[in-house]
Amino acid sequence: MIRRLFTEHPASVGETYGAHLMMAGGFSLRMVLGAAACLVHALLPFLFVKTGSAIITDLHGRMVTHRDRRRCAGTAPADAGPEARVAASPEMVT
């Protein structure tokens, strides 16, 4: 029961707990740095002119645009061979 609290969501996005910890932690750090750049930019508009939007674009690309939806769903297309189905298994993603 308790273990499921820590593994259900990471598995739903095709990650192990450890992989999700690293990914979410990395996103968190980038967001904090982006927020700091935006705050400095608010005070000094000639600094960090594109930093905040560049970080948002990068994070969106990593989280949404480049996500392998087959791995997140834990399935492979019906016409895929056995190796694709194994690769699509959430347990195999790190």
N, C-alpha and C. Protein backbone atom coordinates (compact mmCIF):
# COMPACT_ATOMS: atom_id res chain seq x y z
N MET A 1 0.83 -1.19 0.00
CA MET A 1 0.00 0.00 0.00
C MET A 1 0.87 1.26 0.00
N ILE A 2 1.78 1.37 0.97
CA ILE A 2 2.65 2.54 1.05
C ILE A 2 3.56 2.61 -0.17
N ARG A 3 4.11 1.48 -0.59
CA ARG A 3 5.00 1.45 -1.75
C ARG A 3 4.30 1.97 -2.99
N ARG A 4 3.03 1.62 -3.15
CA ARG A 4 2.28 2.07 -4.32
C ARG A 4 2.18 3.59 -4.38
N LEU A 5 2.13 4.25 -3.22
CA LEU A 5 2.08 5.72 -3.20
C LEU A 5 3.31 6.32 -3.87
N PHE A 6 4.45 5.63 -3.77
CA PHE A 6 5.69 6.13 -4.32
C PHE A 6 5.96 5.65 -5.74
N THR A 7 5.25 4.63 -6.21
CA THR A 7 5.57 4.06 -7.51
C THR A 7 4.46 4.20 -8.55
N GLU A 8 3.23 4.44 -8.14
CA GLU A 8 2.12 4.48 -9.09
C GLU A 8 2.28 5.60 -10.13
N HIS A 9 2.50 6.83 -9.68
CA HIS A 9 2.65 7.93 -10.64
C HIS A 9 3.90 7.78 -11.50
N PRO A 10 5.08 7.50 -10.92
CA PRO A 10 6.24 7.32 -11.80
C PRO A 10 6.00 6.25 -12.87
N ALA A 11 5.37 5.15 -12.50
CA ALA A 11 5.09 4.10 -13.49
C ALA A 11 4.14 4.60 -14.57
N SER A 12 3.21 5.48 -14.20
CA SER A 12 2.25 5.98 -15.17
C SER A 12 2.89 6.86 -16.24
N VAL A 13 4.07 7.39 -15.96
CA VAL A 13 4.80 8.18 -16.95
C VAL A 13 6.03 7.44 -17.46
N GLY A 14 6.09 6.13 -17.21
CA GLY A 14 7.14 5.30 -17.76
C GLY A 14 8.47 5.42 -17.06
N GLU A 15 8.46 5.71 -15.75
CA GLU A 15 9.70 5.86 -15.00
C GLU A 15 9.67 5.03 -13.73
N THR A 16 10.85 4.71 -13.24
CA THR A 16 10.97 4.11 -11.91
C THR A 16 10.91 5.24 -10.90
N TYR A 17 10.83 4.91 -9.62
CA TYR A 17 10.82 5.95 -8.59
C TYR A 17 12.10 6.78 -8.66
N GLY A 18 13.26 6.11 -8.77
CA GLY A 18 14.53 6.82 -8.82
C GLY A 18 14.65 7.72 -10.05
N ALA A 19 14.23 7.21 -11.21
CA ALA A 19 14.28 8.02 -12.43
C ALA A 19 13.36 9.23 -12.30
N HIS A 20 12.18 9.03 -11.72
CA HIS A 20 11.25 10.13 -11.54
C HIS A 20 11.80 11.15 -10.55
N LEU A 21 12.45 10.68 -9.49
CA LEU A 21 13.07 11.57 -8.52
C LEU A 21 14.11 12.46 -9.20
N MET A 22 14.95 11.88 -10.02
CA MET A 22 15.98 12.65 -10.72
C MET A 22 15.35 13.62 -11.73
N MET A 23 14.37 13.16 -12.49
CA MET A 23 13.74 14.01 -13.49
C MET A 23 13.00 15.17 -12.83
N ALA A 24 12.17 14.88 -11.85
CA ALA A 24 11.40 15.93 -11.17
C ALA A 24 12.32 16.88 -10.40
N GLY A 25 13.37 16.34 -9.80
CA GLY A 25 14.33 17.18 -9.10
C GLY A 25 15.05 18.12 -10.05
N GLY A 26 15.41 17.61 -11.22
CA GLY A 26 16.05 18.45 -12.23
C GLY A 26 15.12 19.55 -12.74
N PHE A 27 13.86 19.18 -12.95
CA PHE A 27 12.86 20.17 -13.36
C PHE A 27 12.72 21.23 -12.28
N SER A 28 12.68 20.82 -11.05
CA SER A 28 12.53 21.75 -9.93
C SER A 28 13.68 22.76 -9.90
N LEU A 29 14.89 22.27 -10.04
CA LEU A 29 16.05 23.15 -10.03
C LEU A 29 15.99 24.15 -11.19
N ARG A 30 15.66 23.66 -12.38
CA ARG A 30 15.56 24.56 -13.54
C ARG A 30 14.47 25.61 -13.33
N MET A 31 13.35 25.22 -12.71
CA MET A 31 12.27 26.17 -12.45
C MET A 31 12.70 27.23 -11.45
N VAL A 32 13.43 26.83 -10.41
CA VAL A 32 13.91 27.79 -9.42
C VAL A 32 14.88 28.78 -10.07
N LEU A 33 15.79 28.27 -10.90
CA LEU A 33 16.73 29.15 -11.59
C LEU A 33 16.00 30.07 -12.56
N GLY A 34 15.00 29.54 -13.25
CA GLY A 34 14.21 30.36 -14.17
C GLY A 34 13.44 31.44 -13.43
N ALA A 35 12.88 31.09 -12.27
CA ALA A 35 12.16 32.07 -11.47
C ALA A 35 13.09 33.17 -10.99
N ALA A 36 14.29 32.80 -10.58
CA ALA A 36 15.27 33.81 -10.13
C ALA A 36 15.64 34.73 -11.29
N ALA A 37 15.86 34.16 -12.48
CA ALA A 37 16.18 34.98 -13.65
C ALA A 37 15.03 35.93 -13.98
N CYS A 38 13.79 35.46 -13.87
CA CYS A 38 12.63 36.31 -14.14
C CYS A 38 12.52 37.44 -13.12
N LEU A 39 12.83 37.15 -11.87
CA LEU A 39 12.79 38.18 -10.84
C LEU A 39 13.85 39.25 -11.10
N VAL A 40 15.06 38.82 -11.44
CA VAL A 40 16.11 39.77 -11.76
C VAL A 40 15.70 40.59 -12.99
N HIS A 41 15.13 39.91 -13.98
CA HIS A 41 14.68 40.59 -15.20
C HIS A 41 13.59 41.62 -14.89
N ALA A 42 12.71 41.32 -13.96
CA ALA A 42 11.66 42.27 -13.58
C ALA A 42 12.26 43.55 -13.03
N LEU A 43 13.33 43.42 -12.28
CA LEU A 43 13.99 44.59 -11.68
C LEU A 43 14.94 45.28 -12.65
N LEU A 44 15.62 44.49 -13.44
CA LEU A 44 16.62 45.00 -14.39
C LEU A 44 16.30 44.41 -15.77
N PRO A 45 15.37 45.03 -16.50
CA PRO A 45 14.84 44.42 -17.72
C PRO A 45 15.85 44.17 -18.83
N PHE A 46 17.04 44.70 -18.73
CA PHE A 46 18.07 44.47 -19.73
C PHE A 46 18.84 43.18 -19.46
N LEU A 47 18.60 42.53 -18.32
CA LEU A 47 19.24 41.26 -18.00
C LEU A 47 18.26 40.11 -18.18
N PHE A 48 18.77 38.95 -18.53
CA PHE A 48 17.99 37.71 -18.66
C PHE A 48 16.74 37.90 -19.51
N VAL A 49 16.90 38.57 -20.64
CA VAL A 49 15.78 38.93 -21.50
C VAL A 49 15.02 37.69 -22.00
N LYS A 50 15.73 36.63 -22.34
CA LYS A 50 15.08 35.44 -22.90
C LYS A 50 15.25 34.20 -22.02
N THR A 51 15.86 34.34 -20.88
CA THR A 51 16.18 33.17 -20.05
C THR A 51 14.94 32.44 -19.56
N GLY A 52 13.97 33.16 -19.01
CA GLY A 52 12.76 32.52 -18.49
C GLY A 52 12.00 31.76 -19.56
N SER A 53 11.78 32.40 -20.70
CA SER A 53 11.04 31.73 -21.77
C SER A 53 11.83 30.56 -22.35
N ALA A 54 13.16 30.67 -22.40
CA ALA A 54 13.98 29.57 -22.90
C ALA A 54 13.88 28.36 -21.97
N ILE A 55 13.87 28.60 -20.68
CA ILE A 55 13.76 27.49 -19.72
C ILE A 55 12.38 26.84 -19.83
N ILE A 56 11.34 27.65 -19.93
CA ILE A 56 9.98 27.11 -20.08
C ILE A 56 9.88 26.27 -21.35
N THR A 57 10.40 26.77 -22.45
CA THR A 57 10.36 26.04 -23.72
C THR A 57 11.10 24.72 -23.60
N ASP A 58 12.28 24.74 -22.98
CA ASP A 58 13.06 23.52 -22.81
C ASP A 58 12.32 22.50 -21.94
N LEU A 59 11.79 22.96 -20.82
CA LEU A 59 11.09 22.03 -19.93
C LEU A 59 9.83 21.47 -20.59
N HIS A 60 9.12 22.29 -21.33
CA HIS A 60 7.94 21.80 -22.04
C HIS A 60 8.34 20.74 -23.05
N GLY A 61 9.42 20.99 -23.77
CA GLY A 61 9.89 20.01 -24.74
C GLY A 61 10.27 18.70 -24.08
N ARG A 62 10.95 18.77 -22.96
CA ARG A 62 11.36 17.55 -22.27
C ARG A 62 10.17 16.82 -21.66
N MET A 63 9.20 17.55 -21.15
CA MET A 63 8.09 16.92 -20.44
C MET A 63 6.97 16.46 -21.38
N VAL A 64 6.67 17.24 -22.38
CA VAL A 64 5.48 16.97 -23.20
C VAL A 64 5.83 16.57 -24.62
N THR A 65 6.57 17.39 -25.31
CA THR A 65 6.80 17.19 -26.73
C THR A 65 7.60 15.93 -27.02
N HIS A 66 8.63 15.64 -26.24
CA HIS A 66 9.50 14.50 -26.53
C HIS A 66 9.18 13.26 -25.72
N ARG A 67 8.09 13.26 -25.01
CA ARG A 67 7.70 12.07 -24.24
C ARG A 67 7.33 10.94 -25.18
N ASP A 68 7.82 9.76 -24.91
CA ASP A 68 7.45 8.57 -25.68
C ASP A 68 6.14 8.05 -25.11
N ARG A 69 5.06 8.34 -25.77
CA ARG A 69 3.73 7.99 -25.27
C ARG A 69 3.53 6.49 -25.15
N ARG A 70 4.20 5.69 -25.99
CA ARG A 70 4.05 4.24 -25.85
C ARG A 70 4.63 3.76 -24.54
N ARG A 71 5.77 4.30 -24.14
CA ARG A 71 6.38 3.88 -22.88
C ARG A 71 5.54 4.35 -21.71
N CYS A 72 4.97 5.54 -21.81
CA CYS A 72 4.16 6.07 -20.72
C CYS A 72 2.91 5.23 -20.53
N ALA A 73 2.35 4.74 -21.62
CA ALA A 73 1.15 3.92 -21.53
C ALA A 73 1.49 2.48 -21.17
N GLY A 74 2.78 2.11 -21.31
CA GLY A 74 3.19 0.75 -21.00
C GLY A 74 2.81 -0.22 -22.09
N THR A 75 2.55 0.29 -23.29
CA THR A 75 2.15 -0.56 -24.40
C THR A 75 2.97 -0.21 -25.62
N ALA A 76 2.94 -1.11 -26.57
CA ALA A 76 3.58 -0.87 -27.86
C ALA A 76 2.50 -1.06 -28.92
N PRO A 77 2.71 -0.52 -30.11
CA PRO A 77 1.74 -0.72 -31.17
C PRO A 77 1.53 -2.20 -31.45
N ALA A 78 0.33 -2.55 -31.90
CA ALA A 78 -0.02 -3.95 -32.13
C ALA A 78 0.89 -4.61 -33.16
N ASP A 79 1.41 -3.83 -34.13
CA ASP A 79 2.25 -4.41 -35.17
C ASP A 79 3.73 -4.45 -34.78
N ALA A 80 4.05 -4.02 -33.57
CA ALA A 80 5.44 -4.02 -33.13
C ALA A 80 5.85 -5.43 -32.71
N GLY A 81 7.13 -5.71 -32.87
CA GLY A 81 7.66 -7.02 -32.49
C GLY A 81 7.83 -7.14 -30.98
N PRO A 82 8.22 -8.32 -30.49
CA PRO A 82 8.37 -8.53 -29.05
C PRO A 82 9.39 -7.61 -28.40
N GLU A 83 10.46 -7.25 -29.13
CA GLU A 83 11.46 -6.37 -28.54
C GLU A 83 10.89 -4.98 -28.28
N ALA A 84 9.97 -4.51 -29.10
CA ALA A 84 9.34 -3.20 -28.88
C ALA A 84 8.42 -3.26 -27.67
N ARG A 85 7.72 -4.39 -27.51
CA ARG A 85 6.82 -4.51 -26.36
C ARG A 85 7.62 -4.55 -25.06
N VAL A 86 8.79 -5.21 -25.08
CA VAL A 86 9.63 -5.23 -23.89
C VAL A 86 10.15 -3.83 -23.60
N ALA A 87 10.60 -3.11 -24.63
CA ALA A 87 11.12 -1.76 -24.45
C ALA A 87 10.03 -0.82 -23.96
N ALA A 88 8.76 -1.10 -24.29
CA ALA A 88 7.66 -0.23 -23.86
C ALA A 88 7.20 -0.51 -22.45
N SER A 89 7.71 -1.58 -21.86
CA SER A 89 7.30 -1.94 -20.51
C SER A 89 7.82 -0.92 -19.50
N PRO A 90 6.94 -0.38 -18.63
CA PRO A 90 7.38 0.62 -17.64
C PRO A 90 8.47 0.10 -16.72
N GLU A 91 8.52 -1.21 -16.48
CA GLU A 91 9.52 -1.75 -15.57
C GLU A 91 10.91 -1.67 -16.19
N MET A 92 10.98 -1.56 -17.51
CA MET A 92 12.26 -1.55 -18.19
C MET A 92 12.81 -0.13 -18.35
N VAL A 93 12.02 0.87 -18.09
CA VAL A 93 12.44 2.25 -18.30
C VAL A 93 13.19 2.74 -17.08
N THR A 94 14.34 3.35 -17.30
CA THR A 94 15.10 3.92 -16.17
C THR A 94 15.40 5.36 -16.41
